[in-house]
Amino acid sequence: MKKLCFAVMATVFAVSLAAAEVLTFTPEAKLPVYTCGEKAKFILSVFDNGKAVTNGKYTVVYTLDGNKTLDSQEVDLAKGNPATVSVTLDEPGFVLARVLNSAGKPAMTPGAKGKKVPALAGAAFDPEKIKMGYDLPKDFMAFWEAGNKQIAGEKVKLEKVEKYSKGSFTTYYVTINTLNNETLTGYLSVPKAKGKYPAYITVPGAGPGFVGPASQWAGKNVITLTMNVHKFPTADNAAEQRARYAESQKIKPHYPARGAGNRDTYFFRSVYVGINHVINYVAAMPEWDRKHMVIDGSSQGGGSALILSGLNKNITALAANVPALCDHGGVKTGRSSGWPRLDRQKNADAFAPYFDAANFARFIKVPALVSCGFIDTTCSPSSVYAAYNQLKGDKQMVHVPLEGHTVSKAYVAIRNDFVAKHLGLTE
């Protein structure tokens, strides 16, 4: 059973700014989802102090989700303002429309907090028919099971952290030795009172990572596990964590590309084998209720939620906001692959399919909540749908047509209800 949710959270500024032109570019439809062959319409308007500008030319360039160019269309404001442009697509996918000014540069529009951003708009065409670019390798699960077996005897080390052990739960610093002599760390919080509790797991988005327990759920009689992907020790405060991250990034290439080209040495292999091992540790704890284990994350964390749900059968539900690590082979169809664009690495075909969240999604039968931003140029909506379409259980997609790579307020509200329900905290 699948559900579709629709959320509009981007602010469209149609009011004038003092002595400044304001350009807006939006889909005509509130929910720009079409069947192949239908026309998607977009509205371009330019105002100066509340008055429609009557001169100036722009070009709207249409791409297949930010990759292959499909078409372009000139807009002459002398012929009408607002102006309506349209495009269609004959294959399942997303169209990303981008406005260029007369100089061929990206036209800018007001974004969040007054910042100007490129004028983009998106539309979906039969997105539930999008197929992922890579096939499932025959030894896909055997490869991951081999990694899991390699560290099966490793002990999860816990050290009590007084700073985060106030109130109703105790927090521990988690250390696990994983593949390639690497170490992962994070925080585990456990309710102090005797009883059986649900478990919540999260992995951060790209960047420095988390410090401390998952505060939203830790104080609600929930076991929480926050695991970072970095191989340096997790700090207990944000400033130190950022400093450690900055130091680690002096090593080139950027961490998502380290070890690329070889499935055995690629950065994320030891990450997911290690975190999977810690999840198994949590599942064996006498405090876990054996019924509720939810994993939740955004971007890198969203892709991690899909990957770990495919690996670990103890997980009972997942929430993945604008998930990364999806459809690395999307470029083979002319679409954009998701972050971190493994298609750009050497020997991509030989190793990338083993780290494609869409391949892990094939094995997921638990309830899933997923979101996609129609103008997301980091984790393209087609890459998200390529994974979503592989899910086998009850699933729900949250459409955010006017936003890019972000955590929208609308998604958060839906996500919080979903997580609470699947933790057994609400009916």
Protein backbone atom coordinates (compact mmCIF):
# COMPACT_ATOMS: atom_id res chain seq x y z
CA MET A 1 0.00 0.00 0.00
CA LYS A 2 1.39 3.37 -0.91
CA LYS A 3 0.40 6.91 -0.02
CA LEU A 4 1.31 10.21 -1.62
CA CYS A 5 1.59 13.39 0.39
CA PHE A 6 1.99 16.89 -0.97
CA ALA A 7 3.77 19.70 0.81
CA VAL A 8 4.46 23.27 -0.33
CA MET A 9 6.99 24.92 1.92
CA ALA A 10 9.05 27.26 -0.25
CA THR A 11 8.11 30.92 0.02
CA VAL A 12 7.21 32.52 -3.31
CA PHE A 13 7.81 36.25 -3.09
CA ALA A 14 5.40 38.09 -5.36
CA VAL A 15 5.75 41.37 -3.50
CA SER A 16 8.15 44.06 -4.61
CA LEU A 17 11.39 44.98 -2.98
CA ALA A 18 12.38 48.64 -2.83
CA ALA A 19 13.95 49.78 -6.09
CA ALA A 20 14.50 46.20 -7.23
CA GLU A 21 13.05 43.84 -9.77
CA VAL A 22 11.57 40.64 -8.38
CA LEU A 23 11.43 37.56 -10.59
CA THR A 24 9.29 34.56 -9.72
CA PHE A 25 9.15 31.23 -11.54
CA THR A 26 6.70 28.60 -10.35
CA PRO A 27 4.67 25.64 -11.62
CA GLU A 28 1.15 26.51 -12.67
CA ALA A 29 -0.22 23.43 -10.88
CA LYS A 30 -0.14 23.20 -7.11
CA LEU A 31 1.02 19.61 -7.49
CA PRO A 32 3.01 19.40 -10.75
CA VAL A 33 2.75 15.66 -11.30
CA TYR A 34 1.66 14.55 -14.78
CA THR A 35 1.36 11.50 -16.96
CA CYS A 36 3.82 11.20 -19.82
CA GLY A 37 2.74 13.29 -22.80
CA GLU A 38 0.85 15.87 -20.75
CA LYS A 39 2.05 19.48 -20.68
CA ALA A 40 3.59 20.93 -17.55
CA LYS A 41 3.18 24.69 -17.37
CA PHE A 42 5.33 27.21 -15.53
CA ILE A 43 4.68 30.89 -14.89
CA LEU A 44 7.44 33.50 -15.13
CA SER A 45 6.81 37.00 -13.86
CA VAL A 46 9.03 40.02 -13.26
CA PHE A 47 7.85 43.00 -11.21
CA ASP A 48 9.51 46.29 -10.33
CA ASN A 49 8.00 48.06 -7.32
CA GLY A 50 4.77 46.17 -7.83
CA LYS A 51 4.47 46.90 -11.56
CA ALA A 52 4.90 44.32 -14.29
CA VAL A 53 8.08 44.84 -16.29
CA THR A 54 7.26 45.23 -19.98
CA ASN A 55 10.67 44.66 -21.54
CA GLY A 56 13.43 42.13 -21.24
CA LYS A 57 14.10 38.61 -22.49
CA TYR A 58 14.77 35.37 -20.66
CA THR A 59 15.41 31.80 -21.71
CA VAL A 60 13.93 28.78 -19.96
CA VAL A 61 16.11 25.68 -20.31
CA TYR A 62 14.52 22.28 -19.66
CA THR A 63 16.65 19.33 -18.54
CA LEU A 64 15.99 15.75 -17.56
CA ASP A 65 16.30 16.32 -13.83
CA GLY A 66 19.34 18.55 -14.22
CA ASN A 67 21.26 16.37 -16.65
CA LYS A 68 20.35 15.88 -20.33
CA THR A 69 19.06 19.05 -22.02
CA LEU A 70 15.58 18.53 -23.45
CA ASP A 71 14.59 21.89 -24.88
CA SER A 72 14.69 25.66 -24.36
CA GLN A 73 12.15 28.43 -24.77
CA GLU A 74 12.55 32.20 -25.09
CA VAL A 75 10.37 34.54 -23.05
CA ASP A 76 9.89 38.13 -24.23
CA LEU A 77 8.24 40.21 -21.51
CA ALA A 78 7.09 42.69 -24.16
CA LYS A 79 4.65 40.01 -25.31
CA GLY A 80 3.20 39.43 -21.87
CA ASN A 81 4.07 39.43 -18.20
CA PRO A 82 3.39 37.06 -16.46
CA ALA A 83 4.38 34.62 -19.22
CA THR A 84 3.44 30.96 -19.37
CA VAL A 85 5.82 28.36 -20.77
CA SER A 86 5.28 24.62 -21.10
CA VAL A 87 7.13 21.36 -21.60
CA THR A 88 6.27 17.69 -21.83
CA LEU A 89 8.14 14.45 -21.27
CA ASP A 90 7.52 11.16 -23.05
CA GLU A 91 9.32 9.00 -20.50
CA PRO A 92 8.96 8.67 -16.72
CA GLY A 93 11.09 11.24 -14.96
CA PHE A 94 11.39 14.82 -13.74
CA VAL A 95 11.89 17.97 -15.74
CA LEU A 96 13.99 20.68 -14.14
CA ALA A 97 13.36 24.12 -15.67
CA ARG A 98 15.99 26.81 -15.20
CA VAL A 99 15.66 30.51 -16.13
CA LEU A 100 18.60 32.33 -17.74
CA ASN A 101 18.80 36.08 -18.23
CA SER A 102 19.69 37.87 -21.47
CA ALA A 103 23.39 37.39 -20.70
CA GLY A 104 22.93 33.63 -20.42
CA LYS A 105 23.49 33.70 -16.66
CA PRO A 106 21.15 32.14 -14.09
CA ALA A 107 18.27 34.48 -13.29
CA MET A 108 17.87 34.91 -9.55
CA THR A 109 14.76 34.91 -7.41
CA PRO A 110 14.22 35.65 -3.69
CA GLY A 111 14.66 32.57 -1.52
CA ALA A 112 14.56 31.78 2.17
CA LYS A 113 15.77 34.47 4.59
CA GLY A 114 16.03 37.02 1.79
CA LYS A 115 18.80 35.22 -0.04
CA LYS A 116 18.69 35.16 -3.82
CA VAL A 117 18.72 31.75 -5.45
CA PRO A 118 18.60 30.53 -9.06
CA ALA A 119 15.10 30.52 -10.53
CA LEU A 120 14.17 26.86 -10.82
CA ALA A 121 10.96 24.88 -11.14
CA GLY A 122 10.26 21.18 -11.48
CA ALA A 123 7.60 18.78 -12.67
CA ALA A 124 7.19 15.01 -12.44
CA PHE A 125 5.97 12.68 -15.18
CA ASP A 126 4.78 9.23 -14.09
CA PRO A 127 7.42 9.19 -11.33
CA GLU A 128 6.23 5.83 -9.99
CA LYS A 129 7.41 4.25 -13.24
CA ILE A 130 11.01 5.47 -12.93
CA LYS A 131 13.42 2.55 -13.05
CA MET A 132 16.87 2.62 -11.49
CA GLY A 133 19.92 2.69 -13.72
CA TYR A 134 21.79 -0.28 -12.24
CA ASP A 135 20.75 -3.90 -12.01
CA LEU A 136 21.24 -5.79 -8.77
CA PRO A 137 24.66 -7.52 -8.74
CA LYS A 138 24.28 -11.29 -8.33
CA ASP A 139 26.55 -11.30 -5.28
CA PHE A 140 25.10 -8.11 -3.75
CA MET A 141 23.96 -9.55 -0.42
CA ALA A 142 26.81 -12.04 -0.30
CA PHE A 143 29.22 -9.11 -0.46
CA TRP A 144 27.59 -7.38 2.49
CA GLU A 145 27.14 -10.56 4.51
CA ALA A 146 30.85 -11.25 4.09
CA GLY A 147 31.63 -7.86 5.60
CA ASN A 148 29.23 -8.43 8.47
CA LYS A 149 30.87 -11.78 9.26
CA GLN A 150 34.31 -10.19 9.32
CA ILE A 151 33.43 -8.09 12.36
CA ALA A 152 30.89 -10.44 13.95
CA GLY A 153 33.22 -11.01 16.90
CA GLU A 154 33.91 -7.33 17.57
CA LYS A 155 32.60 -6.00 20.87
CA VAL A 156 30.62 -2.79 21.08
CA LYS A 157 32.33 -0.63 23.68
CA LEU A 158 30.19 1.63 25.86
CA GLU A 159 31.42 4.41 28.15
CA LYS A 160 28.98 6.39 30.29
CA VAL A 161 28.87 10.11 29.46
CA GLU A 162 27.86 12.07 32.56
CA LYS A 163 27.26 15.25 30.54
CA TYR A 164 24.42 13.61 28.63
CA SER A 165 23.13 11.28 31.38
CA LYS A 166 20.82 13.70 33.12
CA GLY A 167 17.12 13.14 33.62
CA SER A 168 15.40 9.91 32.71
CA PHE A 169 18.11 8.29 30.57
CA THR A 170 21.76 7.28 30.62
CA THR A 171 23.95 8.08 27.64
CA TYR A 172 26.96 6.07 26.55
CA TYR A 173 29.76 6.82 24.12
CA VAL A 174 29.74 4.02 21.55
CA THR A 175 32.85 2.65 19.86
CA ILE A 176 32.98 -0.15 17.30
CA ASN A 177 36.00 -1.42 15.40
CA THR A 178 34.95 -2.08 11.84
CA LEU A 179 36.51 -3.15 8.55
CA ASN A 180 39.94 -1.97 7.35
CA ASN A 181 41.07 -1.33 10.95
CA GLU A 182 38.72 1.66 11.15
CA THR A 183 36.64 2.83 14.08
CA LEU A 184 33.18 4.37 14.26
CA THR A 185 31.70 6.22 17.20
CA GLY A 186 28.42 7.69 18.37
CA TYR A 187 26.04 7.90 21.30
CA LEU A 188 23.55 5.46 22.78
CA SER A 189 20.93 6.55 25.30
CA VAL A 190 18.94 4.09 27.40
CA PRO A 191 16.02 4.87 29.77
CA LYS A 192 17.02 4.46 33.41
CA ALA A 193 13.81 2.83 34.60
CA LYS A 194 13.53 -0.92 34.16
CA GLY A 195 11.28 -1.92 31.28
CA LYS A 196 11.02 -2.68 27.59
CA TYR A 197 11.44 0.22 25.19
CA PRO A 198 11.28 1.03 21.47
CA ALA A 199 14.48 2.02 19.68
CA TYR A 200 15.25 4.99 17.43
CA ILE A 201 18.33 5.12 15.18
CA THR A 202 19.71 8.00 13.15
CA VAL A 203 22.73 8.80 10.97
CA PRO A 204 23.56 12.45 10.10
CA GLY A 205 23.57 14.21 6.77
CA ALA A 206 26.88 15.04 5.11
CA GLY A 207 29.20 17.24 7.13
CA PRO A 208 30.65 17.19 10.65
CA GLY A 209 28.02 14.85 12.13
CA PHE A 210 26.10 14.59 15.40
CA VAL A 211 27.20 15.26 18.94
CA GLY A 212 25.21 13.78 21.81
CA PRO A 213 22.07 11.65 21.86
CA ALA A 214 18.94 12.07 19.74
CA SER A 215 17.36 14.58 22.11
CA GLN A 216 13.93 14.60 20.47
CA TRP A 217 13.29 10.99 21.47
CA ALA A 218 15.81 10.20 24.22
CA GLY A 219 13.64 11.66 26.97
CA LYS A 220 10.48 9.87 25.84
CA ASN A 221 11.27 6.37 27.07
CA VAL A 222 13.01 5.48 23.82
CA ILE A 223 16.40 3.85 23.32
CA THR A 224 18.25 6.11 20.88
CA LEU A 225 21.36 5.48 18.81
CA THR A 226 23.16 8.23 16.88
CA MET A 227 26.10 6.99 14.81
CA ASN A 228 28.49 9.15 12.81
CA VAL A 229 30.07 8.01 9.56
CA HIS A 230 33.48 9.52 10.21
CA LYS A 231 36.45 7.48 11.34
CA PHE A 232 37.65 10.10 13.86
CA PRO A 233 36.31 10.09 17.46
CA THR A 234 33.01 11.91 17.90
CA ALA A 235 33.26 14.97 20.13
CA ASP A 236 30.80 15.92 22.87
CA ASN A 237 30.27 19.46 21.59
CA ALA A 238 29.61 21.00 18.18
CA ALA A 239 32.65 23.31 18.06
CA GLU A 240 35.11 20.49 18.66
CA GLN A 241 33.27 18.22 16.24
CA ARG A 242 33.56 20.85 13.52
CA ALA A 243 37.27 21.24 14.26
CA ARG A 244 37.87 17.50 14.03
CA TYR A 245 35.90 17.35 10.81
CA ALA A 246 37.89 20.22 9.30
CA GLU A 247 41.13 18.46 10.20
CA SER A 248 39.91 15.20 8.68
CA GLN A 249 39.02 16.97 5.44
CA LYS A 250 42.64 17.95 4.89
CA ILE A 251 42.96 14.40 3.62
CA LYS A 252 41.97 14.34 -0.04
CA PRO A 253 39.66 13.46 -1.67
CA HIS A 254 36.54 14.55 0.19
CA TYR A 255 35.38 11.66 2.38
CA PRO A 256 32.48 10.41 0.16
CA ALA A 257 35.02 9.73 -2.61
CA ARG A 258 37.67 7.99 -0.51
CA GLY A 259 38.46 4.49 -1.63
CA ALA A 260 36.17 4.88 -4.64
CA GLY A 261 36.68 2.48 -7.51
CA ASN A 262 37.05 -0.57 -5.26
CA ARG A 263 34.05 -2.01 -3.47
CA ASP A 264 36.23 -3.41 -0.65
CA THR A 265 37.94 -0.13 0.18
CA TYR A 266 35.19 2.39 -0.54
CA PHE A 267 34.56 4.72 2.41
CA PHE A 268 30.98 3.69 3.15
CA ARG A 269 31.55 -0.07 3.26
CA SER A 270 33.12 -0.08 6.72
CA VAL A 271 30.56 2.53 7.79
CA TYR A 272 27.48 0.44 7.12
CA VAL A 273 29.01 -2.82 8.26
CA GLY A 274 29.99 -1.12 11.52
CA ILE A 275 26.67 0.61 12.16
CA ASN A 276 24.78 -2.55 11.23
CA HIS A 277 26.79 -4.36 13.93
CA VAL A 278 25.85 -1.74 16.54
CA ILE A 279 22.18 -2.01 15.53
CA ASN A 280 22.40 -5.75 16.16
CA TYR A 281 23.85 -4.95 19.57
CA VAL A 282 20.87 -2.72 20.36
CA ALA A 283 18.50 -5.43 19.12
CA ALA A 284 20.07 -7.87 21.60
CA MET A 285 19.73 -5.52 24.57
CA PRO A 286 17.24 -6.75 27.20
CA GLU A 287 15.75 -3.23 27.29
CA TRP A 288 14.57 -3.34 23.66
CA ASP A 289 10.87 -4.25 23.29
CA ARG A 290 11.46 -6.50 20.24
CA LYS A 291 8.66 -4.68 18.38
CA HIS A 292 9.68 -1.13 17.46
CA MET A 293 12.93 -0.02 15.85
CA VAL A 294 12.74 3.06 13.61
CA ILE A 295 15.61 4.52 11.59
CA ASP A 296 15.40 8.12 10.43
CA GLY A 297 17.65 10.52 8.54
CA SER A 298 18.00 13.23 5.90
CA SER A 299 20.23 13.33 2.82
CA GLN A 300 23.24 11.14 3.69
CA GLY A 301 21.18 10.04 6.69
CA GLY A 302 18.19 9.29 4.47
CA GLY A 303 20.28 7.13 2.16
CA SER A 304 21.72 5.47 5.27
CA ALA A 305 18.21 4.72 6.50
CA LEU A 306 17.46 2.91 3.25
CA ILE A 307 20.77 1.05 3.19
CA LEU A 308 20.62 -0.08 6.81
CA SER A 309 16.96 -1.08 6.50
CA GLY A 310 17.95 -3.30 3.60
CA LEU A 311 20.79 -4.79 5.63
CA ASN A 312 19.21 -5.20 9.04
CA LYS A 313 16.02 -7.14 9.65
CA ASN A 314 15.55 -5.74 13.16
CA ILE A 315 14.46 -2.37 11.77
CA THR A 316 10.67 -2.08 11.70
CA ALA A 317 10.16 1.27 9.90
CA LEU A 318 12.21 3.95 8.16
CA ALA A 319 11.97 7.65 7.35
CA ALA A 320 14.22 9.06 4.62
CA ASN A 321 14.11 12.77 3.79
CA VAL A 322 15.63 13.69 0.39
CA PRO A 323 17.82 10.58 0.60
CA ALA A 324 21.31 10.55 -0.89
CA LEU A 325 23.22 7.56 -2.28
CA CYS A 326 20.39 6.68 -4.67
CA ASP A 327 20.47 5.60 -8.32
CA HIS A 328 24.17 5.96 -9.06
CA GLY A 329 23.41 4.62 -12.53
CA GLY A 330 20.75 7.23 -13.27
CA VAL A 331 23.09 9.04 -15.66
CA LYS A 332 22.95 6.02 -17.95
CA THR A 333 19.36 7.02 -18.73
CA GLY A 334 20.13 10.74 -19.08
CA ARG A 335 18.93 11.55 -15.55
CA SER A 336 20.99 12.85 -12.65
CA SER A 337 22.37 10.43 -10.10
CA GLY A 338 22.12 11.27 -6.42
CA TRP A 339 24.86 12.51 -4.10
CA PRO A 340 27.78 11.83 -4.00
CA ARG A 341 27.70 11.25 -7.77
CA LEU A 342 29.61 8.00 -7.82
CA ASP A 343 29.08 7.91 -11.59
CA ARG A 344 31.98 10.37 -11.79
CA GLN A 345 34.40 7.95 -10.13
CA LYS A 346 36.67 5.49 -11.91
CA ASN A 347 35.30 1.96 -12.26
CA ALA A 348 31.87 3.21 -11.20
CA ASP A 349 30.05 0.26 -12.76
CA ALA A 350 32.22 -2.17 -10.80
CA PHE A 351 31.61 -0.78 -7.31
CA ALA A 352 28.79 1.80 -7.27
CA PRO A 353 25.87 -0.69 -7.54
CA TYR A 354 26.92 -2.17 -4.18
CA PHE A 355 26.39 1.22 -2.51
CA ASP A 356 23.17 2.18 -4.26
CA ALA A 357 20.33 2.73 -1.79
CA ALA A 358 17.91 1.78 -4.58
CA ASN A 359 19.40 -1.72 -4.62
CA PHE A 360 18.98 -2.02 -0.84
CA ALA A 361 15.38 -0.85 -1.22
CA ARG A 362 14.62 -4.07 -3.09
CA PHE A 363 14.91 -5.92 0.23
CA ILE A 364 12.84 -3.53 2.36
CA LYS A 365 9.36 -4.68 3.36
CA VAL A 366 8.79 -2.45 6.39
CA PRO A 367 6.77 0.81 6.35
CA ALA A 368 8.68 3.69 4.77
CA LEU A 369 8.27 7.45 4.62
CA VAL A 370 10.27 9.22 1.89
CA SER A 371 10.38 12.79 0.57
CA CYS A 372 11.70 14.49 -2.55
CA GLY A 373 12.19 18.12 -3.52
CA PHE A 374 11.32 18.81 -7.15
CA ILE A 375 14.16 21.32 -7.53
CA ASP A 376 16.72 19.36 -5.53
CA THR A 377 20.02 19.46 -7.43
CA THR A 378 21.91 17.49 -4.77
CA CYS A 379 19.72 14.43 -4.39
CA SER A 380 17.67 14.60 -7.56
CA PRO A 381 13.98 13.66 -7.23
CA SER A 382 14.30 11.02 -9.95
CA SER A 383 17.09 9.31 -7.98
CA VAL A 384 14.87 9.34 -4.89
CA TYR A 385 11.97 7.85 -6.83
CA ALA A 386 14.25 5.19 -8.34
CA ALA A 387 14.78 3.94 -4.78
CA TYR A 388 11.22 4.55 -3.60
CA ASN A 389 9.82 2.47 -6.44
CA GLN A 390 11.83 -0.53 -5.27
CA LEU A 391 10.34 -0.55 -1.76
CA LYS A 392 8.17 -3.59 -1.10
CA GLY A 393 6.17 -2.54 1.98
CA ASP A 394 3.69 0.20 2.83
CA LYS A 395 5.19 3.45 1.62
CA GLN A 396 4.41 7.13 1.60
CA MET A 397 6.01 9.83 -0.56
CA VAL A 398 5.99 13.46 0.52
CA HIS A 399 6.20 15.75 -2.52
CA VAL A 400 7.81 19.14 -1.91
CA PRO A 401 7.48 20.80 -5.35
CA LEU A 402 8.88 24.22 -4.51
CA GLU A 403 11.93 23.17 -2.52
CA GLY A 404 15.36 21.76 -3.18
CA HIS A 405 17.71 19.95 -0.81
CA THR A 406 16.23 20.81 2.55
CA VAL A 407 14.24 19.56 5.52
CA SER A 408 10.86 21.17 5.00
CA LYS A 409 8.57 22.01 7.90
CA ALA A 410 5.77 20.10 6.22
CA TYR A 411 7.90 16.95 6.02
CA VAL A 412 9.01 17.30 9.63
CA ALA A 413 5.41 17.34 10.83
CA ILE A 414 4.57 14.21 8.85
CA ARG A 415 7.84 12.55 9.87
CA ASN A 416 7.33 13.21 13.58
CA ASP A 417 3.89 11.58 13.48
CA PHE A 418 5.25 8.65 11.45
CA VAL A 419 8.16 8.03 13.80
CA ALA A 420 6.02 8.34 16.94
CA LYS A 421 3.49 5.88 15.51
CA HIS A 422 6.10 3.30 14.55
CA LEU A 423 7.87 3.65 17.89
CA GLY A 424 4.56 2.66 19.45
CA LEU A 425 4.18 6.00 21.20
CA THR A 426 0.90 6.82 19.45
CA GLU A 427 -1.79 4.80 17.74
